[in-house]
Every structure is written in C-alpha cells, then in structure tokens.
Amino acid sequence: MTRRHQKHILKAAKSNIEEKFQKQLLDIDDEISALTEEDGMRSEERLEALQAQRAEIEEAWSEWKLRSKKNKGKLSSRIQWTGERDKTLKKTIKHDVLLGVRANRKEKCKARVGVSWLYEGALVTKRGSTEMMIVTRIDNNSVEVLHNGTIEWHRNMSLRPADWMMED
C-alpha cells in the first residue's frame, strides 16, 4: 500500500472521528432542547447531567484536536496496514454493441438529402463541368459513374442531372 493511500485512509479516519464527536453533541443538544420544554425537578437534574456529559465530550474532542503531530504519528504507526482495498468495478465492453452504436452514429451523421433524379443509367455531370457521365451504381452517398471509359466514384451531392444544362 502506497503512502498516498495510507494518507487518504488516515484522513478519512480522522474525519470519521470528528463526525462521531459532532453526532454525539447534536444528540445531547436535542435531548437538552426536549428537556427545557418540560417542567419539573427531575428534568432539571437530567438537564444538569446532560450538560456535564456535553462538557466531557467537548473536552475529549478538544484534547483530540490538540494532540501534537508527533503523537498522531505514533498513533498512525500503531495501525496495522493491510493491502486490501475496496475493489473497483472494471469496465466491460461489449464489442458487438459498441460496433452497433458506432454504425448507428455513422448513419445519423450522413447527409440525408433525397435525390430523386439519381438512378442507375442516368446521365449526369459533375458540378461546374459539362462532361456527361453515366451512373452505373449507387452506394449510400457515393455514386459510381462511367466517364470516358473509366470508372470513377463521386459524391451524389456533387453530381447534377445532365439535362439541366441543355436548353431546348
């Protein structure tokens, strides 16, 4: 166990002790406030006993706070350290689910512009060009075209119908 872990554990133990003192004082304060509402001789005796008990707890807490660091160090050296720690849960990744999520995200990120005029066999031109090409295959957002005897791939958004440039 590293020194850093030991310091963390000691700090947690010290805060636990302070919380215990605070809780005891709050419980006694609650009892005192309940007794002040009642009248009678017995309640006065009980009230004095509770106030004495409160003073003892406050004194024990102040003594605990005033211990020198050397004394606290001795106290911590008496602790028997073990290597046991609460085990953290390890992340398990389901790769098939992860691949499905990634595929869904990829589908959602694609441009969803419907191009009704784009079909296999259509005459198209590249945006800003007058050379005609024939669509041979459409695959998602990319289109395979036949251009001057070679096969090329273009984005469907960069293609225009060939007849839009022709005027009758």
Protein backbone atom coordinates (compact mmCIF):
# COMPACT_ATOMS: atom_id res chain seq x y z
CA MET A 1 0.00 0.00 0.00
CA THR A 2 1.47 3.32 -1.01
CA ARG A 3 1.93 6.26 1.28
CA ARG A 4 -0.67 8.22 -0.67
CA HIS A 5 -3.29 5.57 0.05
CA GLN A 6 -2.31 5.48 3.71
CA LYS A 7 -2.71 9.26 3.97
CA HIS A 8 -6.12 9.03 2.35
CA ILE A 9 -7.24 6.33 4.79
CA LEU A 10 -5.91 8.26 7.80
CA LYS A 11 -7.66 11.42 6.66
CA ALA A 12 -10.93 9.50 6.30
CA ALA A 13 -10.49 8.00 9.77
CA LYS A 14 -9.86 11.44 11.30
CA SER A 15 -12.95 12.90 9.65
CA ASN A 16 -14.92 9.89 10.90
CA ILE A 17 -13.81 10.62 14.49
CA GLU A 18 -14.81 14.28 14.15
CA GLU A 19 -18.20 13.27 12.77
CA LYS A 20 -18.66 10.94 15.76
CA PHE A 21 -17.98 13.80 18.19
CA GLN A 22 -20.34 16.12 16.29
CA LYS A 23 -23.09 13.49 16.25
CA GLN A 24 -22.80 12.94 20.00
CA LEU A 25 -23.02 16.68 20.62
CA LEU A 26 -26.07 17.01 18.35
CA ASP A 27 -27.82 14.14 20.14
CA ILE A 28 -27.20 15.75 23.52
CA ASP A 29 -28.38 19.14 22.22
CA ASP A 30 -31.60 17.52 21.03
CA GLU A 31 -32.19 15.95 24.43
CA ILE A 32 -31.45 19.25 26.18
CA SER A 33 -33.90 21.13 23.97
CA ALA A 34 -36.56 18.49 24.67
CA LEU A 35 -35.96 18.72 28.43
CA THR A 36 -36.11 22.54 28.54
CA GLU A 37 -39.69 22.34 27.31
CA GLU A 38 -40.66 20.12 30.25
CA ASP A 39 -41.05 21.35 33.81
CA GLY A 40 -40.17 19.56 36.99
CA MET A 41 -37.37 18.68 39.38
CA ARG A 42 -36.38 15.50 37.59
CA SER A 43 -35.93 17.31 34.30
CA GLU A 44 -33.58 19.83 35.96
CA GLU A 45 -31.41 17.00 37.31
CA ARG A 46 -31.39 15.29 33.95
CA LEU A 47 -30.58 18.64 32.29
CA GLU A 48 -27.55 19.12 34.55
CA ALA A 49 -26.36 15.57 33.81
CA LEU A 50 -26.70 16.16 30.06
CA GLN A 51 -24.79 19.45 30.29
CA ALA A 52 -22.00 17.70 32.21
CA GLN A 53 -21.93 14.95 29.59
CA ARG A 54 -21.75 17.59 26.85
CA ALA A 55 -18.82 19.27 28.60
CA GLU A 56 -16.98 15.92 28.80
CA ILE A 57 -17.49 15.28 25.09
CA GLU A 58 -16.33 18.79 24.18
CA GLU A 59 -13.24 18.33 26.38
CA ALA A 60 -12.43 14.96 24.78
CA TRP A 61 -12.83 16.50 21.33
CA SER A 62 -10.60 19.46 22.16
CA GLU A 63 -7.95 17.08 23.59
CA TRP A 64 -8.11 15.02 20.42
CA LYS A 65 -7.67 18.17 18.31
CA LEU A 66 -4.73 19.43 20.40
CA ARG A 67 -2.61 16.30 20.13
CA SER A 68 0.73 17.06 18.59
CA LYS A 69 1.53 15.72 15.17
CA LYS A 70 4.19 13.56 16.72
CA ASN A 71 1.62 11.85 18.90
CA LYS A 72 -0.71 11.41 15.94
CA GLY A 73 2.19 9.95 14.01
CA LYS A 74 2.78 7.43 16.76
CA LEU A 75 -0.89 6.64 16.69
CA SER A 76 -0.79 6.03 12.95
CA SER A 77 2.28 3.81 13.26
CA ARG A 78 0.30 1.52 15.56
CA ILE A 79 -2.18 0.90 12.79
CA GLN A 80 -1.72 -2.43 11.11
CA TRP A 81 -1.92 -1.75 7.39
CA THR A 82 -3.38 -4.33 5.09
CA GLY A 83 -3.18 -4.43 1.34
CA GLU A 84 -6.92 -4.86 1.00
CA ARG A 85 -8.92 -2.11 -0.69
CA ASP A 86 -12.42 -1.95 -1.98
CA LYS A 87 -12.28 -3.33 -5.46
CA THR A 88 -13.48 -1.02 -8.16
CA LEU A 89 -15.73 -2.34 -10.83
CA LYS A 90 -13.91 -2.90 -14.07
CA LYS A 91 -15.49 -1.65 -17.22
CA THR A 92 -16.64 -4.37 -19.52
CA ILE A 93 -17.04 -3.54 -23.16
CA LYS A 94 -19.45 -5.46 -25.33
CA HIS A 95 -17.80 -5.06 -28.69
CA ASP A 96 -20.80 -6.11 -30.77
CA VAL A 97 -22.97 -3.49 -29.05
CA LEU A 98 -20.22 -0.88 -29.46
CA LEU A 99 -19.97 -1.61 -33.18
CA GLY A 100 -23.74 -1.29 -33.49
CA VAL A 101 -23.73 2.07 -31.72
CA ARG A 102 -20.91 3.34 -33.92
CA ALA A 103 -22.75 2.19 -37.06
CA ASN A 104 -25.92 3.98 -35.91
CA ARG A 105 -23.99 7.18 -35.27
CA LYS A 106 -22.32 6.93 -38.67
CA GLU A 107 -25.70 6.53 -40.34
CA LYS A 108 -27.15 9.50 -38.48
CA CYS A 109 -24.19 11.73 -39.38
CA LYS A 110 -24.57 11.13 -43.10
CA ALA A 111 -26.18 13.80 -45.21
CA ARG A 112 -29.84 12.96 -45.69
CA VAL A 113 -30.70 14.79 -48.88
CA GLY A 114 -33.06 12.92 -51.11
CA VAL A 115 -32.00 12.89 -54.73
CA SER A 116 -34.94 11.54 -56.69
CA TRP A 117 -33.45 12.06 -60.14
CA LEU A 118 -30.31 10.00 -59.40
CA TYR A 119 -30.71 6.39 -60.54
CA GLU A 120 -28.65 3.79 -62.38
CA GLY A 121 -28.32 4.63 -66.07
CA ALA A 122 -28.96 8.37 -65.60
CA LEU A 123 -26.85 10.91 -67.47
CA VAL A 124 -25.09 13.25 -65.01
CA THR A 125 -22.44 15.93 -64.99
CA LYS A 126 -20.08 16.97 -62.24
CA ARG A 127 -20.92 20.30 -60.67
CA GLY A 128 -19.33 23.08 -62.73
CA SER A 129 -18.48 20.78 -65.64
CA THR A 130 -20.25 19.94 -68.93
CA GLU A 131 -18.80 16.46 -69.49
CA MET A 132 -21.51 13.81 -69.31
CA MET A 133 -21.20 10.61 -67.32
CA ILE A 134 -23.44 7.55 -66.88
CA VAL A 135 -24.36 6.30 -63.40
CA THR A 136 -23.52 2.59 -63.04
CA ARG A 137 -24.02 2.05 -59.30
CA ILE A 138 -25.32 3.99 -56.28
CA ASP A 139 -23.94 3.21 -52.82
CA ASN A 140 -25.19 5.38 -49.92
CA ASN A 141 -23.77 8.85 -50.58
CA SER A 142 -21.30 7.85 -53.28
CA VAL A 143 -22.02 7.10 -56.92
CA GLU A 144 -20.04 5.04 -59.40
CA VAL A 145 -20.03 6.61 -62.86
CA LEU A 146 -18.60 5.73 -66.24
CA HIS A 147 -16.58 8.65 -67.60
CA ASN A 148 -14.53 8.40 -70.82
CA GLY A 149 -14.20 4.62 -70.47
CA THR A 150 -13.06 4.72 -66.83
CA ILE A 151 -14.97 4.12 -63.64
CA GLU A 152 -14.97 6.96 -61.12
CA TRP A 153 -16.59 7.48 -57.75
CA HIS A 154 -18.22 10.79 -56.85
CA ARG A 155 -20.36 12.08 -54.00
CA ASN A 156 -24.01 12.16 -55.02
CA MET A 157 -24.25 15.82 -53.93
CA SER A 158 -21.55 16.86 -56.41
CA LEU A 159 -23.46 15.48 -59.39
CA ARG A 160 -26.16 17.23 -61.40
CA PRO A 161 -28.58 15.87 -63.99
CA ALA A 162 -27.17 16.26 -67.49
CA ASP A 163 -30.36 17.79 -68.90
CA TRP A 164 -30.32 20.81 -66.57
CA MET A 165 -27.60 22.42 -68.68
CA MET A 166 -29.25 21.71 -72.02
CA GLU A 167 -31.70 24.22 -73.33
CA ASP A 168 -34.42 23.27 -75.80
